[in-house]
Amino acid sequence: MEILSSRVLLRPVNLPETQAFYRDVLGLAVSREFGPAGHRGLVFFLGNGLLEVAGTREVGSDSSLVLWLQVRDVQAELERLAGLGVGIAREAQTEPWGLIEGWIQDPDGTRIVLVQVPEDHPIRRDVREL
């Protein structure tokens, strides 16, 4: 299989509120818009991927999606987001595998893991033998 492109699809309960969160609170840039007026889908740039927020799902149905977003400074991002009224689901902490993680949720309940890779973490360098 040859994968030419990919994106994560998110179907929120409240489309306008969730789109506003990703656009206005997280500050993701819009790659494209599509669909009819009043129910437009948005595709956001998400680092080296894309996030499509379009369509809806039933009230009461849980989102099983978890987004993993690498940032330069988790603590600074959590403070910035808290200042915008975003609830912090879990404060920044160093995980047993050495990454620093803090958790938030979008208005639809989707967990977003903010990740910081410390300077000395093996993920920052190629550890394969030459």
N, C-alpha and C. Protein backbone atom coordinates (compact mmCIF):
# COMPACT_ATOMS: atom_id res chain seq x y z
N MET A 1 0.85 -1.18 0.00
CA MET A 1 0.00 0.00 0.00
C MET A 1 0.89 1.23 0.00
N GLU A 2 0.57 2.17 -0.88
CA GLU A 2 1.29 3.43 -0.95
C GLU A 2 0.37 4.52 -0.42
N ILE A 3 0.72 5.10 0.72
CA ILE A 3 -0.09 6.17 1.33
C ILE A 3 0.39 7.51 0.77
N LEU A 4 -0.49 8.23 0.13
CA LEU A 4 -0.13 9.51 -0.48
C LEU A 4 -0.44 10.70 0.42
N SER A 5 -1.45 10.55 1.26
CA SER A 5 -1.84 11.62 2.16
C SER A 5 -2.68 11.01 3.26
N SER A 6 -2.82 11.72 4.38
CA SER A 6 -3.67 11.22 5.46
C SER A 6 -4.17 12.40 6.28
N ARG A 7 -5.21 12.11 7.05
CA ARG A 7 -5.70 13.11 8.01
C ARG A 7 -6.49 12.38 9.08
N VAL A 8 -6.64 13.01 10.22
CA VAL A 8 -7.46 12.53 11.32
C VAL A 8 -8.83 13.17 11.16
N LEU A 9 -9.90 12.38 11.29
CA LEU A 9 -11.27 12.90 11.17
C LEU A 9 -11.91 12.98 12.54
N LEU A 10 -12.48 14.11 12.87
CA LEU A 10 -13.16 14.32 14.15
C LEU A 10 -14.60 14.73 13.86
N ARG A 11 -15.54 14.00 14.41
CA ARG A 11 -16.97 14.29 14.25
C ARG A 11 -17.52 14.75 15.60
N PRO A 12 -17.58 16.04 15.83
CA PRO A 12 -18.02 16.55 17.14
C PRO A 12 -19.53 16.59 17.28
N VAL A 13 -19.99 16.76 18.51
CA VAL A 13 -21.41 16.98 18.78
C VAL A 13 -21.77 18.41 18.37
N ASN A 14 -20.93 19.38 18.76
CA ASN A 14 -21.19 20.79 18.46
C ASN A 14 -20.11 21.27 17.48
N LEU A 15 -20.44 21.23 16.19
CA LEU A 15 -19.47 21.55 15.14
C LEU A 15 -18.90 22.97 15.26
N PRO A 16 -19.71 24.02 15.34
CA PRO A 16 -19.13 25.37 15.39
C PRO A 16 -18.23 25.59 16.61
N GLU A 17 -18.65 25.11 17.77
CA GLU A 17 -17.85 25.30 18.99
C GLU A 17 -16.51 24.58 18.89
N THR A 18 -16.53 23.36 18.38
CA THR A 18 -15.30 22.59 18.28
C THR A 18 -14.37 23.18 17.22
N GLN A 19 -14.91 23.60 16.10
CA GLN A 19 -14.08 24.25 15.09
C GLN A 19 -13.45 25.53 15.64
N ALA A 20 -14.23 26.31 16.38
CA ALA A 20 -13.70 27.55 16.96
C ALA A 20 -12.57 27.26 17.95
N PHE A 21 -12.70 26.18 18.70
CA PHE A 21 -11.65 25.80 19.66
C PHE A 21 -10.33 25.55 18.92
N TYR A 22 -10.35 24.74 17.88
CA TYR A 22 -9.12 24.42 17.17
C TYR A 22 -8.58 25.62 16.41
N ARG A 23 -9.46 26.44 15.85
CA ARG A 23 -9.03 27.62 15.08
C ARG A 23 -8.60 28.76 16.00
N ASP A 24 -9.45 29.11 16.97
CA ASP A 24 -9.24 30.33 17.74
C ASP A 24 -8.48 30.14 19.04
N VAL A 25 -8.67 29.01 19.71
CA VAL A 25 -8.00 28.78 20.99
C VAL A 25 -6.63 28.12 20.77
N LEU A 26 -6.60 27.00 20.05
CA LEU A 26 -5.30 26.37 19.77
C LEU A 26 -4.54 27.10 18.68
N GLY A 27 -5.25 27.85 17.85
CA GLY A 27 -4.59 28.65 16.81
C GLY A 27 -4.12 27.86 15.61
N LEU A 28 -4.80 26.75 15.30
CA LEU A 28 -4.40 25.96 14.13
C LEU A 28 -4.81 26.69 12.85
N ALA A 29 -3.94 26.64 11.86
CA ALA A 29 -4.23 27.28 10.58
C ALA A 29 -5.15 26.37 9.75
N VAL A 30 -6.06 26.99 9.01
CA VAL A 30 -7.00 26.25 8.17
C VAL A 30 -6.34 25.92 6.84
N SER A 31 -6.38 24.64 6.49
CA SER A 31 -5.86 24.17 5.21
C SER A 31 -6.92 24.34 4.12
N ARG A 32 -8.17 23.97 4.45
CA ARG A 32 -9.25 24.14 3.48
C ARG A 32 -10.59 24.09 4.19
N GLU A 33 -11.60 24.64 3.51
CA GLU A 33 -12.99 24.59 3.95
C GLU A 33 -13.79 23.91 2.86
N PHE A 34 -14.86 23.21 3.26
CA PHE A 34 -15.69 22.55 2.27
C PHE A 34 -17.10 22.38 2.82
N GLY A 35 -18.03 22.07 1.94
CA GLY A 35 -19.40 21.79 2.35
C GLY A 35 -20.30 23.01 2.29
N PRO A 36 -21.58 22.78 2.60
CA PRO A 36 -22.57 23.85 2.49
C PRO A 36 -22.43 24.89 3.61
N ALA A 37 -22.85 26.10 3.31
CA ALA A 37 -22.86 27.17 4.33
C ALA A 37 -23.70 26.71 5.51
N GLY A 38 -23.25 27.04 6.71
CA GLY A 38 -23.97 26.65 7.91
C GLY A 38 -23.58 25.28 8.44
N HIS A 39 -22.86 24.51 7.64
CA HIS A 39 -22.40 23.19 8.08
C HIS A 39 -21.09 22.85 7.37
N ARG A 40 -20.20 23.87 7.34
CA ARG A 40 -18.94 23.71 6.62
C ARG A 40 -17.96 22.87 7.42
N GLY A 41 -17.21 22.05 6.71
CA GLY A 41 -16.11 21.30 7.31
C GLY A 41 -14.84 22.12 7.22
N LEU A 42 -13.98 21.97 8.20
CA LEU A 42 -12.67 22.63 8.18
C LEU A 42 -11.60 21.57 8.29
N VAL A 43 -10.53 21.75 7.53
CA VAL A 43 -9.34 20.90 7.64
C VAL A 43 -8.23 21.81 8.13
N PHE A 44 -7.62 21.43 9.26
CA PHE A 44 -6.56 22.22 9.88
C PHE A 44 -5.21 21.58 9.64
N PHE A 45 -4.19 22.42 9.49
CA PHE A 45 -2.82 21.92 9.51
C PHE A 45 -2.53 21.47 10.94
N LEU A 46 -1.91 20.31 11.08
CA LEU A 46 -1.63 19.74 12.41
C LEU A 46 -0.20 19.22 12.39
N GLY A 47 0.77 20.15 12.45
CA GLY A 47 2.16 19.73 12.35
C GLY A 47 2.40 19.12 10.99
N ASN A 48 2.81 17.85 10.96
CA ASN A 48 3.03 17.20 9.68
C ASN A 48 1.82 16.37 9.26
N GLY A 49 0.65 16.66 9.81
CA GLY A 49 -0.58 15.98 9.45
C GLY A 49 -1.71 16.97 9.28
N LEU A 50 -2.91 16.45 9.13
CA LEU A 50 -4.10 17.28 8.97
C LEU A 50 -5.19 16.78 9.91
N LEU A 51 -6.01 17.70 10.41
CA LEU A 51 -7.16 17.38 11.25
C LEU A 51 -8.40 17.93 10.58
N GLU A 52 -9.32 17.06 10.22
CA GLU A 52 -10.59 17.47 9.63
C GLU A 52 -11.66 17.46 10.71
N VAL A 53 -12.30 18.61 10.94
CA VAL A 53 -13.42 18.72 11.88
C VAL A 53 -14.65 19.02 11.04
N ALA A 54 -15.47 17.99 10.85
CA ALA A 54 -16.62 18.09 9.96
C ALA A 54 -17.68 17.10 10.41
N GLY A 55 -18.91 17.32 9.98
CA GLY A 55 -19.99 16.41 10.36
C GLY A 55 -20.26 16.48 11.85
N THR A 56 -21.09 15.58 12.33
CA THR A 56 -21.42 15.55 13.75
C THR A 56 -21.64 14.11 14.20
N ARG A 57 -21.74 13.93 15.52
CA ARG A 57 -22.14 12.65 16.09
C ARG A 57 -23.21 12.91 17.11
N GLU A 58 -23.88 11.89 17.56
CA GLU A 58 -25.00 12.03 18.49
C GLU A 58 -24.56 12.51 19.86
N VAL A 59 -25.38 13.33 20.49
CA VAL A 59 -25.15 13.75 21.87
C VAL A 59 -25.11 12.51 22.75
N GLY A 60 -24.17 12.46 23.67
CA GLY A 60 -24.05 11.32 24.57
C GLY A 60 -23.10 10.24 24.09
N SER A 61 -22.72 10.29 22.82
CA SER A 61 -21.75 9.31 22.32
C SER A 61 -20.34 9.84 22.60
N ASP A 62 -19.50 8.98 23.11
CA ASP A 62 -18.15 9.38 23.50
C ASP A 62 -17.21 9.47 22.31
N SER A 63 -16.30 10.42 22.37
CA SER A 63 -15.23 10.50 21.40
C SER A 63 -14.13 9.56 21.85
N SER A 64 -13.67 8.72 20.97
CA SER A 64 -12.58 7.80 21.30
C SER A 64 -11.24 8.33 20.77
N LEU A 65 -11.28 9.45 20.12
CA LEU A 65 -10.07 10.03 19.53
C LEU A 65 -9.21 10.67 20.62
N VAL A 66 -7.91 10.49 20.54
CA VAL A 66 -6.94 11.20 21.37
C VAL A 66 -5.94 11.83 20.42
N LEU A 67 -5.72 13.12 20.56
CA LEU A 67 -4.73 13.81 19.74
C LEU A 67 -3.43 13.97 20.53
N TRP A 68 -2.33 13.70 19.90
CA TRP A 68 -1.00 13.81 20.49
C TRP A 68 -0.31 14.94 19.75
N LEU A 69 -0.07 16.06 20.44
CA LEU A 69 0.49 17.25 19.81
C LEU A 69 1.81 17.62 20.47
N GLN A 70 2.89 17.56 19.73
CA GLN A 70 4.19 17.92 20.28
C GLN A 70 4.35 19.44 20.24
N VAL A 71 4.73 20.01 21.37
CA VAL A 71 4.97 21.44 21.49
C VAL A 71 6.37 21.66 22.07
N ARG A 72 6.85 22.89 21.99
CA ARG A 72 8.19 23.17 22.52
C ARG A 72 8.22 23.22 24.04
N ASP A 73 7.15 23.73 24.67
CA ASP A 73 7.13 23.91 26.12
C ASP A 73 5.71 23.63 26.63
N VAL A 74 5.50 22.45 27.19
CA VAL A 74 4.18 22.05 27.65
C VAL A 74 3.66 23.00 28.72
N GLN A 75 4.48 23.33 29.71
CA GLN A 75 4.01 24.19 30.80
C GLN A 75 3.57 25.55 30.29
N ALA A 76 4.33 26.14 29.39
CA ALA A 76 3.96 27.45 28.83
C ALA A 76 2.63 27.36 28.07
N GLU A 77 2.43 26.28 27.32
CA GLU A 77 1.18 26.12 26.57
C GLU A 77 0.00 25.91 27.53
N LEU A 78 0.19 25.13 28.57
CA LEU A 78 -0.90 24.93 29.54
C LEU A 78 -1.28 26.26 30.20
N GLU A 79 -0.29 27.06 30.54
CA GLU A 79 -0.57 28.37 31.15
C GLU A 79 -1.31 29.27 30.17
N ARG A 80 -0.88 29.28 28.92
CA ARG A 80 -1.54 30.11 27.91
C ARG A 80 -2.99 29.67 27.72
N LEU A 81 -3.20 28.37 27.62
CA LEU A 81 -4.55 27.84 27.41
C LEU A 81 -5.44 28.08 28.62
N ALA A 82 -4.89 27.92 29.82
CA ALA A 82 -5.67 28.20 31.04
C ALA A 82 -6.11 29.66 31.05
N GLY A 83 -5.24 30.55 30.58
CA GLY A 83 -5.58 31.97 30.49
C GLY A 83 -6.72 32.24 29.52
N LEU A 84 -6.93 31.33 28.59
CA LEU A 84 -8.04 31.44 27.63
C LEU A 84 -9.28 30.70 28.11
N GLY A 85 -9.21 30.16 29.32
CA GLY A 85 -10.37 29.48 29.89
C GLY A 85 -10.45 27.99 29.61
N VAL A 86 -9.39 27.41 29.05
CA VAL A 86 -9.37 25.97 28.79
C VAL A 86 -9.05 25.26 30.10
N GLY A 87 -9.86 24.26 30.45
CA GLY A 87 -9.60 23.47 31.65
C GLY A 87 -8.42 22.53 31.42
N ILE A 88 -7.59 22.40 32.42
CA ILE A 88 -6.44 21.50 32.35
C ILE A 88 -6.86 20.16 32.94
N ALA A 89 -6.87 19.13 32.13
CA ALA A 89 -7.28 17.80 32.59
C ALA A 89 -6.19 17.15 33.43
N ARG A 90 -4.94 17.42 33.10
CA ARG A 90 -3.82 16.92 33.90
C ARG A 90 -2.64 17.84 33.69
N GLU A 91 -2.04 18.27 34.79
CA GLU A 91 -0.88 19.16 34.73
C GLU A 91 0.30 18.44 34.08
N ALA A 92 1.28 19.23 33.66
CA ALA A 92 2.48 18.67 33.03
C ALA A 92 3.23 17.80 34.02
N GLN A 93 3.66 16.64 33.54
CA GLN A 93 4.51 15.78 34.35
C GLN A 93 5.38 14.94 33.42
N THR A 94 6.52 14.52 33.96
CA THR A 94 7.42 13.67 33.19
C THR A 94 6.95 12.22 33.32
N GLU A 95 6.74 11.60 32.18
CA GLU A 95 6.26 10.22 32.14
C GLU A 95 7.43 9.25 32.35
N PRO A 96 7.12 8.00 32.71
CA PRO A 96 8.19 7.02 32.89
C PRO A 96 9.06 6.84 31.64
N TRP A 97 8.51 7.12 30.46
CA TRP A 97 9.27 6.98 29.22
C TRP A 97 10.04 8.26 28.87
N GLY A 98 10.01 9.25 29.76
CA GLY A 98 10.86 10.42 29.63
C GLY A 98 10.27 11.63 28.94
N LEU A 99 9.08 11.53 28.36
CA LEU A 99 8.44 12.68 27.73
C LEU A 99 7.65 13.46 28.78
N ILE A 100 7.52 14.75 28.57
CA ILE A 100 6.71 15.59 29.45
C ILE A 100 5.35 15.74 28.80
N GLU A 101 4.29 15.40 29.54
CA GLU A 101 2.93 15.47 29.00
C GLU A 101 2.02 16.26 29.91
N GLY A 102 1.12 17.02 29.31
CA GLY A 102 0.02 17.69 29.98
C GLY A 102 -1.22 17.46 29.13
N TRP A 103 -2.39 17.35 29.77
CA TRP A 103 -3.60 17.01 29.03
C TRP A 103 -4.64 18.11 29.13
N ILE A 104 -5.33 18.32 28.01
CA ILE A 104 -6.50 19.19 27.97
C ILE A 104 -7.59 18.44 27.22
N GLN A 105 -8.76 19.05 27.11
CA GLN A 105 -9.84 18.50 26.30
C GLN A 105 -10.43 19.61 25.46
N ASP A 106 -10.89 19.24 24.26
CA ASP A 106 -11.61 20.22 23.45
C ASP A 106 -13.04 20.31 23.99
N PRO A 107 -13.86 21.23 23.51
CA PRO A 107 -15.22 21.39 24.04
C PRO A 107 -16.09 20.15 23.87
N ASP A 108 -15.68 19.24 23.01
CA ASP A 108 -16.44 18.04 22.71
C ASP A 108 -16.00 16.85 23.57
N GLY A 109 -14.98 17.05 24.41
CA GLY A 109 -14.49 15.99 25.29
C GLY A 109 -13.34 15.18 24.72
N THR A 110 -12.82 15.56 23.55
CA THR A 110 -11.69 14.84 22.97
C THR A 110 -10.43 15.19 23.75
N ARG A 111 -9.71 14.15 24.21
CA ARG A 111 -8.48 14.40 24.96
C ARG A 111 -7.37 14.82 24.01
N ILE A 112 -6.63 15.84 24.42
CA ILE A 112 -5.49 16.32 23.67
C ILE A 112 -4.29 16.23 24.60
N VAL A 113 -3.30 15.44 24.18
CA VAL A 113 -2.08 15.26 24.95
C VAL A 113 -1.03 16.20 24.38
N LEU A 114 -0.61 17.17 25.18
CA LEU A 114 0.48 18.06 24.77
C LEU A 114 1.77 17.43 25.25
N VAL A 115 2.73 17.27 24.34
CA VAL A 115 3.95 16.53 24.62
C VAL A 115 5.17 17.41 24.34
N GLN A 116 6.10 17.35 25.27
CA GLN A 116 7.39 18.03 25.09
C GLN A 116 8.48 16.95 25.13
N VAL A 117 9.38 16.99 24.16
CA VAL A 117 10.49 16.03 24.11
C VAL A 117 11.71 16.74 24.69
N PRO A 118 12.18 16.31 25.89
CA PRO A 118 13.35 16.95 26.49
C PRO A 118 14.59 16.82 25.59
N GLU A 119 15.51 17.76 25.75
CA GLU A 119 16.72 17.81 24.92
C GLU A 119 17.50 16.49 24.93
N ASP A 120 17.53 15.81 26.08
CA ASP A 120 18.34 14.60 26.20
C ASP A 120 17.57 13.31 25.91
N HIS A 121 16.34 13.42 25.42
CA HIS A 121 15.53 12.22 25.18
C HIS A 121 16.00 11.51 23.91
N PRO A 122 16.02 10.16 23.92
CA PRO A 122 16.48 9.41 22.75
C PRO A 122 15.69 9.67 21.47
N ILE A 123 14.45 10.11 21.59
CA ILE A 123 13.65 10.37 20.39
C ILE A 123 14.23 11.52 19.56
N ARG A 124 15.09 12.32 20.17
CA ARG A 124 15.70 13.46 19.47
C ARG A 124 16.90 13.07 18.62
N ARG A 125 17.35 11.83 18.76
CA ARG A 125 18.53 11.43 17.98
C ARG A 125 18.33 10.01 17.46
N ASP A 126 19.05 9.70 16.42
CA ASP A 126 19.02 8.37 15.82
C ASP A 126 19.92 7.46 16.67
N VAL A 127 19.32 6.47 17.32
CA VAL A 127 20.07 5.59 18.20
C VAL A 127 20.43 4.26 17.54
N ARG A 128 20.11 4.15 16.25
CA ARG A 128 20.47 2.92 15.52
C ARG A 128 21.99 2.87 15.36
N GLU A 129 22.49 1.67 15.38
CA GLU A 129 23.92 1.50 15.13
C GLU A 129 24.19 1.72 13.65
N LEU A 130 25.27 2.38 13.36
CA LEU A 130 25.64 2.61 11.95
C LEU A 130 26.37 1.43 11.38
